C-alpha atoms as a PDB file:
ATOM      1  CA  MET A   1     -31.483 -29.300 -11.455  1.00  0.00           C
ATOM      2  CA  GLY A   2     -34.296 -31.564 -10.298  1.00  0.00           C
ATOM      3  CA  LEU A   3     -37.735 -30.386  -9.287  1.00  0.00           C
ATOM      4  CA  TRP A   4     -37.108 -30.930  -5.576  1.00  0.00           C
ATOM      5  CA  SER A   5     -33.802 -29.018  -5.717  1.00  0.00           C
ATOM      6  CA  SER A   6     -35.486 -26.194  -7.620  1.00  0.00           C
ATOM      7  CA  PHE A   7     -38.204 -25.998  -4.997  1.00  0.00           C
ATOM      8  CA  LEU A   8     -35.719 -25.935  -2.100  1.00  0.00           C
ATOM      9  CA  THR A   9     -33.626 -23.324  -3.884  1.00  0.00           C
ATOM     10  CA  SER A  10     -36.656 -21.098  -4.476  1.00  0.00           C
ATOM     11  CA  LEU A  11     -37.420 -21.269  -0.751  1.00  0.00           C
ATOM     12  CA  GLY A  12     -33.853 -20.317   0.082  1.00  0.00           C
ATOM     13  CA  ILE A  13     -33.217 -23.578   1.910  1.00  0.00           C
ATOM     14  CA  ILE A  14     -30.375 -24.509  -0.406  1.00  0.00           C
ATOM     15  CA  LYS A  15     -28.263 -22.376  -2.691  1.00  0.00           C
ATOM     16  CA  ARG A  16     -28.081 -23.015  -6.402  1.00  0.00           C
ATOM     17  CA  LYS A  17     -24.596 -23.903  -7.585  1.00  0.00           C
ATOM     18  CA  VAL A  18     -23.234 -22.130 -10.654  1.00  0.00           C
ATOM     19  CA  ASN A  19     -19.907 -22.483 -12.416  1.00  0.00           C
ATOM     20  CA  ILE A  20     -18.156 -19.292 -13.480  1.00  0.00           C
ATOM     21  CA  LEU A  21     -15.095 -18.964 -15.703  1.00  0.00           C
ATOM     22  CA  LEU A  22     -12.783 -16.095 -14.703  1.00  0.00           C
ATOM     23  CA  VAL A  23     -10.444 -15.038 -17.516  1.00  0.00           C
ATOM     24  CA  GLY A  24      -8.300 -12.122 -18.626  1.00  0.00           C
ATOM     25  CA  LEU A  25      -4.666 -11.429 -19.340  1.00  0.00           C
ATOM     26  CA  ASP A  26      -1.983 -12.057 -16.751  1.00  0.00           C
ATOM     27  CA  ASN A  27      -1.717  -9.332 -14.101  1.00  0.00           C
ATOM     28  CA  ALA A  28      -5.290  -8.105 -14.685  1.00  0.00           C
ATOM     29  CA  GLY A  29      -6.232  -8.788 -11.054  1.00  0.00           C
ATOM     30  CA  LYS A  30      -8.377 -11.904 -11.380  1.00  0.00           C
ATOM     31  CA  SER A  31      -6.987 -13.719  -8.349  1.00  0.00           C
ATOM     32  CA  THR A  32      -7.010 -10.528  -6.273  1.00  0.00           C
ATOM     33  CA  ILE A  33     -10.726 -10.094  -6.968  1.00  0.00           C
ATOM     34  CA  ILE A  34     -11.483 -13.714  -6.036  1.00  0.00           C
ATOM     35  CA  ASN A  35      -9.374 -13.565  -2.885  1.00  0.00           C
ATOM     36  CA  GLY A  36     -11.397 -10.561  -1.768  1.00  0.00           C
ATOM     37  CA  LEU A  37     -14.663 -12.476  -2.189  1.00  0.00           C
ATOM     38  CA  LYS A  38     -13.715 -15.355   0.057  1.00  0.00           C
ATOM     39  CA  VAL A  39     -15.361 -14.951   3.466  1.00  0.00           C
ATOM     40  CA  SER A  40     -12.291 -16.034   5.395  1.00  0.00           C
ATOM     41  CA  ALA A  41      -9.951 -14.052   3.220  1.00  0.00           C
ATOM     42  CA  VAL A  42      -7.100 -12.292   4.943  1.00  0.00           C
ATOM     43  CA  PRO A  43      -6.133  -9.117   3.072  1.00  0.00           C
ATOM     44  CA  GLN A  44      -3.126  -9.869   0.913  1.00  0.00           C
ATOM     45  CA  THR A  45      -0.542  -7.365  -0.142  1.00  0.00           C
ATOM     46  CA  GLU A  46       0.887  -9.699  -2.785  1.00  0.00           C
ATOM     47  CA  VAL A  47      -0.907 -12.267  -4.884  1.00  0.00           C
ATOM     48  CA  VAL A  48       1.048 -15.005  -6.596  1.00  0.00           C
ATOM     49  CA  PRO A  49       0.228 -15.290 -10.321  1.00  0.00           C
ATOM     50  CA  THR A  50      -2.008 -18.219 -11.157  1.00  0.00           C
ATOM     51  CA  VAL A  51      -0.279 -21.038 -12.994  1.00  0.00           C
ATOM     52  CA  GLY A  52      -2.808 -23.134 -14.914  1.00  0.00           C
ATOM     53  CA  PHE A  53      -5.937 -22.539 -12.852  1.00  0.00           C
ATOM     54  CA  ASN A  54      -7.362 -22.322  -9.343  1.00  0.00           C
ATOM     55  CA  VAL A  55     -10.836 -23.301  -8.224  1.00  0.00           C
ATOM     56  CA  GLU A  56     -12.572 -21.251  -5.547  1.00  0.00           C
ATOM     57  CA  THR A  57     -16.069 -21.629  -4.133  1.00  0.00           C
ATOM     58  CA  PHE A  58     -17.992 -18.945  -2.292  1.00  0.00           C
ATOM     59  CA  SER A  59     -21.605 -18.136  -1.522  1.00  0.00           C
ATOM     60  CA  THR A  60     -23.458 -14.916  -2.131  1.00  0.00           C
ATOM     61  CA  GLN A  61     -26.554 -13.346  -0.645  1.00  0.00           C
ATOM     62  CA  HIS A  62     -28.296 -14.129  -3.953  1.00  0.00           C
ATOM     63  CA  ARG A  63     -29.011 -17.780  -3.067  1.00  0.00           C
ATOM     64  CA  LEU A  64     -26.097 -18.804  -5.241  1.00  0.00           C
ATOM     65  CA  THR A  65     -22.913 -20.700  -4.618  1.00  0.00           C
ATOM     66  CA  PHE A  66     -20.293 -19.769  -7.180  1.00  0.00           C
ATOM     67  CA  THR A  67     -17.594 -22.201  -8.191  1.00  0.00           C
ATOM     68  CA  VAL A  68     -15.073 -20.005  -9.970  1.00  0.00           C
ATOM     69  CA  PHE A  69     -12.427 -21.380 -12.293  1.00  0.00           C
ATOM     70  CA  ASP A  70      -9.716 -18.718 -12.023  1.00  0.00           C
ATOM     71  CA  MET A  71      -7.685 -19.256 -15.187  1.00  0.00           C
ATOM     72  CA  SER A  72      -4.140 -18.139 -15.763  1.00  0.00           C
ATOM     73  CA  GLY A  73      -3.846 -15.268 -18.186  1.00  0.00           C
ATOM     74  CA  GLN A  74      -0.299 -16.068 -19.206  1.00  0.00           C
ATOM     75  CA  GLY A  75      -0.049 -16.639 -22.949  1.00  0.00           C
ATOM     76  CA  LYS A  76       0.994 -20.280 -22.703  1.00  0.00           C
ATOM     77  CA  TYR A  77      -2.084 -21.126 -20.585  1.00  0.00           C
ATOM     78  CA  ARG A  78      -4.817 -19.242 -22.445  1.00  0.00           C
ATOM     79  CA  ASP A  79      -5.557 -22.250 -24.643  1.00  0.00           C
ATOM     80  CA  LEU A  80      -6.859 -23.989 -21.511  1.00  0.00           C
ATOM     81  CA  TRP A  81      -9.805 -21.593 -21.252  1.00  0.00           C
ATOM     82  CA  GLU A  82     -11.793 -23.378 -23.949  1.00  0.00           C
ATOM     83  CA  TYR A  83     -11.865 -26.663 -22.020  1.00  0.00           C
ATOM     84  CA  TYR A  84     -14.134 -25.004 -19.446  1.00  0.00           C
ATOM     85  CA  TYR A  85     -16.645 -23.415 -21.849  1.00  0.00           C
ATOM     86  CA  PRO A  86     -19.093 -26.358 -21.878  1.00  0.00           C
ATOM     87  CA  ASP A  87     -19.389 -26.464 -18.087  1.00  0.00           C
ATOM     88  CA  VAL A  88     -19.823 -22.805 -17.110  1.00  0.00           C
ATOM     89  CA  GLU A  89     -22.957 -20.701 -16.819  1.00  0.00           C
ATOM     90  CA  ALA A  90     -21.241 -17.317 -17.058  1.00  0.00           C
ATOM     91  CA  ILE A  91     -17.891 -15.722 -17.799  1.00  0.00           C
ATOM     92  CA  VAL A  92     -16.143 -12.950 -15.923  1.00  0.00           C
ATOM     93  CA  PHE A  93     -13.528 -11.228 -18.089  1.00  0.00           C
ATOM     94  CA  VAL A  94     -11.121  -8.954 -16.221  1.00  0.00           C
ATOM     95  CA  ILE A  95      -9.212  -6.222 -18.028  1.00  0.00           C
ATOM     96  CA  ASP A  96      -6.399  -4.223 -16.485  1.00  0.00           C
ATOM     97  CA  ALA A  97      -7.643  -0.670 -17.099  1.00  0.00           C
ATOM     98  CA  SER A  98      -4.145   0.664 -16.429  1.00  0.00           C
ATOM     99  CA  ASP A  99      -2.566  -1.396 -19.226  1.00  0.00           C
ATOM    100  CA  LYS A 100      -3.494   0.476 -22.402  1.00  0.00           C
ATOM    101  CA  ILE A 101      -0.699  -1.173 -24.378  1.00  0.00           C
ATOM    102  CA  ARG A 102      -2.054  -4.712 -23.940  1.00  0.00           C
ATOM    103  CA  ALA A 103      -5.724  -3.795 -24.421  1.00  0.00           C
ATOM    104  CA  CYS A 104      -5.433  -4.991 -28.029  1.00  0.00           C
ATOM    105  CA  VAL A 105      -4.172  -8.383 -26.800  1.00  0.00           C
ATOM    106  CA  ALA A 106      -7.156  -8.601 -24.429  1.00  0.00           C
ATOM    107  CA  ARG A 107      -9.456  -7.777 -27.358  1.00  0.00           C
ATOM    108  CA  ASP A 108      -7.866 -10.521 -29.484  1.00  0.00           C
ATOM    109  CA  GLU A 109      -8.348 -13.060 -26.673  1.00  0.00           C
ATOM    110  CA  LEU A 110     -11.968 -11.978 -26.219  1.00  0.00           C
ATOM    111  CA  GLU A 111     -12.658 -12.289 -29.945  1.00  0.00           C
ATOM    112  CA  THR A 112     -11.056 -15.741 -30.033  1.00  0.00           C
ATOM    113  CA  MET A 113     -13.158 -16.782 -27.054  1.00  0.00           C
ATOM    114  CA  LEU A 114     -16.416 -15.514 -28.589  1.00  0.00           C
ATOM    115  CA  GLN A 115     -15.668 -17.265 -31.893  1.00  0.00           C
ATOM    116  CA  ASN A 116     -15.335 -20.624 -30.156  1.00  0.00           C
ATOM    117  CA  LYS A 117     -18.149 -22.898 -31.360  1.00  0.00           C
ATOM    118  CA  VAL A 118     -19.199 -23.898 -27.844  1.00  0.00           C
ATOM    119  CA  LEU A 119     -19.635 -20.274 -26.753  1.00  0.00           C
ATOM    120  CA  ARG A 120     -21.275 -19.252 -30.035  1.00  0.00           C
ATOM    121  CA  ASP A 121     -23.939 -21.895 -29.411  1.00  0.00           C
ATOM    122  CA  ARG A 122     -24.353 -20.996 -25.720  1.00  0.00           C
ATOM    123  CA  LYS A 123     -25.419 -17.416 -25.107  1.00  0.00           C
ATOM    124  CA  ILE A 124     -24.105 -17.237 -21.560  1.00  0.00           C
ATOM    125  CA  PRO A 125     -23.709 -13.785 -19.980  1.00  0.00           C
ATOM    126  CA  ILE A 126     -20.342 -12.074 -19.659  1.00  0.00           C
ATOM    127  CA  LEU A 127     -19.412  -9.734 -16.851  1.00  0.00           C
ATOM    128  CA  PHE A 128     -16.469  -7.447 -17.619  1.00  0.00           C
ATOM    129  CA  PHE A 129     -14.471  -5.962 -14.779  1.00  0.00           C
ATOM    130  CA  ALA A 130     -12.481  -2.859 -15.733  1.00  0.00           C
ATOM    131  CA  ASN A 131     -10.038  -3.420 -12.898  1.00  0.00           C
ATOM    132  CA  LYS A 132      -7.385  -1.237 -11.257  1.00  0.00           C
ATOM    133  CA  MET A 133      -9.511   1.893 -11.263  1.00  0.00           C
ATOM    134  CA  ASP A 134      -7.243   3.205  -8.508  1.00  0.00           C
ATOM    135  CA  VAL A 135      -4.305   3.545 -10.919  1.00  0.00           C
ATOM    136  CA  GLU A 136      -3.980   7.084 -12.190  1.00  0.00           C
ATOM    137  CA  GLY A 137      -4.083   7.485 -15.959  1.00  0.00           C
ATOM    138  CA  GLY A 138      -5.968   4.239 -16.548  1.00  0.00           C
ATOM    139  CA  MET A 139      -8.847   3.782 -18.947  1.00  0.00           C
ATOM    140  CA  SER A 140     -12.423   4.441 -17.861  1.00  0.00           C
ATOM    141  CA  PRO A 141     -14.961   1.624 -18.183  1.00  0.00           C
ATOM    142  CA  SER A 142     -16.204   3.308 -21.360  1.00  0.00           C
ATOM    143  CA  GLU A 143     -12.664   3.371 -22.786  1.00  0.00           C
ATOM    144  CA  CYS A 144     -12.179  -0.287 -21.802  1.00  0.00           C
ATOM    145  CA  SER A 145     -15.433  -1.116 -23.552  1.00  0.00           C
ATOM    146  CA  GLY A 146     -14.202   0.606 -26.705  1.00  0.00           C
ATOM    147  CA  ALA A 147     -10.783  -1.046 -26.514  1.00  0.00           C
ATOM    148  CA  LEU A 148     -12.420  -4.482 -26.238  1.00  0.00           C
ATOM    149  CA  GLY A 149     -15.036  -3.766 -28.914  1.00  0.00           C
ATOM    150  CA  LEU A 150     -17.892  -4.625 -26.567  1.00  0.00           C
ATOM    151  CA  GLU A 151     -20.437  -2.667 -28.589  1.00  0.00           C
ATOM    152  CA  GLU A 152     -20.093  -5.411 -31.228  1.00  0.00           C
ATOM    153  CA  ILE A 153     -21.396  -8.090 -28.829  1.00  0.00           C
ATOM    154  CA  LYS A 154     -25.072  -8.305 -29.678  1.00  0.00           C
ATOM    155  CA  ASP A 155     -25.792 -12.016 -29.227  1.00  0.00           C
ATOM    156  CA  ARG A 156     -25.656 -12.190 -25.405  1.00  0.00           C
ATOM    157  CA  ASN A 157     -26.073 -10.087 -22.302  1.00  0.00           C
ATOM    158  CA  TRP A 158     -23.002  -8.352 -20.930  1.00  0.00           C
ATOM    159  CA  THR A 159     -22.063  -5.451 -18.716  1.00  0.00           C
ATOM    160  CA  ILE A 160     -18.878  -3.722 -17.626  1.00  0.00           C
ATOM    161  CA  CYS A 161     -18.141  -2.538 -14.086  1.00  0.00           C
ATOM    162  CA  ALA A 162     -15.361  -0.341 -12.776  1.00  0.00           C
ATOM    163  CA  THR A 163     -13.518  -2.271 -10.063  1.00  0.00           C
ATOM    164  CA  ASN A 164     -10.632  -2.125  -7.674  1.00  0.00           C
ATOM    165  CA  GLY A 165      -9.655  -5.694  -6.846  1.00  0.00           C
ATOM    166  CA  ILE A 166      -7.656  -4.661  -3.784  1.00  0.00           C
ATOM    167  CA  THR A 167     -10.496  -2.803  -2.044  1.00  0.00           C
ATOM    168  CA  GLY A 168     -13.343  -4.779  -3.650  1.00  0.00           C
ATOM    169  CA  GLN A 169     -14.963  -1.582  -4.897  1.00  0.00           C
ATOM    170  CA  GLY A 170     -17.381  -2.306  -7.756  1.00  0.00           C
ATOM    171  CA  VAL A 171     -17.121  -6.096  -7.512  1.00  0.00           C
ATOM    172  CA  GLY A 172     -20.443  -6.396  -5.655  1.00  0.00           C
ATOM    173  CA  VAL A 173     -22.226  -4.386  -8.342  1.00  0.00           C
ATOM    174  CA  GLY A 174     -20.965  -6.816 -10.961  1.00  0.00           C
ATOM    175  CA  LEU A 175     -21.923  -9.862  -8.933  1.00  0.00           C
ATOM    176  CA  ASP A 176     -25.413  -8.427  -8.388  1.00  0.00           C
ATOM    177  CA  TRP A 177     -25.808  -8.099 -12.156  1.00  0.00           C
ATOM    178  CA  LEU A 178     -24.473 -11.617 -12.708  1.00  0.00           C
ATOM    179  CA  ALA A 179     -26.786 -13.113 -10.074  1.00  0.00           C
ATOM    180  CA  GLU A 180     -29.751 -11.451 -11.763  1.00  0.00           C
ATOM    181  CA  GLU A 181     -28.667 -12.873 -15.132  1.00  0.00           C
ATOM    182  CA  LEU A 182     -28.346 -16.368 -13.652  1.00  0.00           C
ATOM    183  CA  LYS A 183     -31.803 -16.492 -12.083  1.00  0.00           C
ATOM    184  CA  TYR A 184     -34.056 -19.186 -13.465  1.00  0.00           C
END
């Protein structure tokens, strides 16, 4: 970002643009969360699974404009995630707190992601959304953290937030944290 752009951003005249990578297993609620953040969003009762990826842009009250790369979580598309690592400033990892059986798969994908050379060299922050908190019998954020092995992440900033993608509960808290992490 040039000096002039930095100055205008600091005054709030323009918003700083940041690229965010949104990942997680299929059916974790990634697209539902993003759809709820769009200003013109009409509440949806059904969300079609993402095939490949979707790109969404939205502004926040934090003087930021997020461009979010909503990646498919289906197994055959997870290899695509790494192509976006060089161009993002943060990662949002969504875990389905109601899916205890596949928590180990989510952990494996997270470990693979963190071992990628590009991400090892770039200490970008990671926001974890423990989604589907409305589902009875699901894991708490603390249990999600344990299932993902988050306590082992010591080389970058991260946090985990309890969310409900349908109602948007908890998403704002996570975005506030992320905006703070992305301040220059």
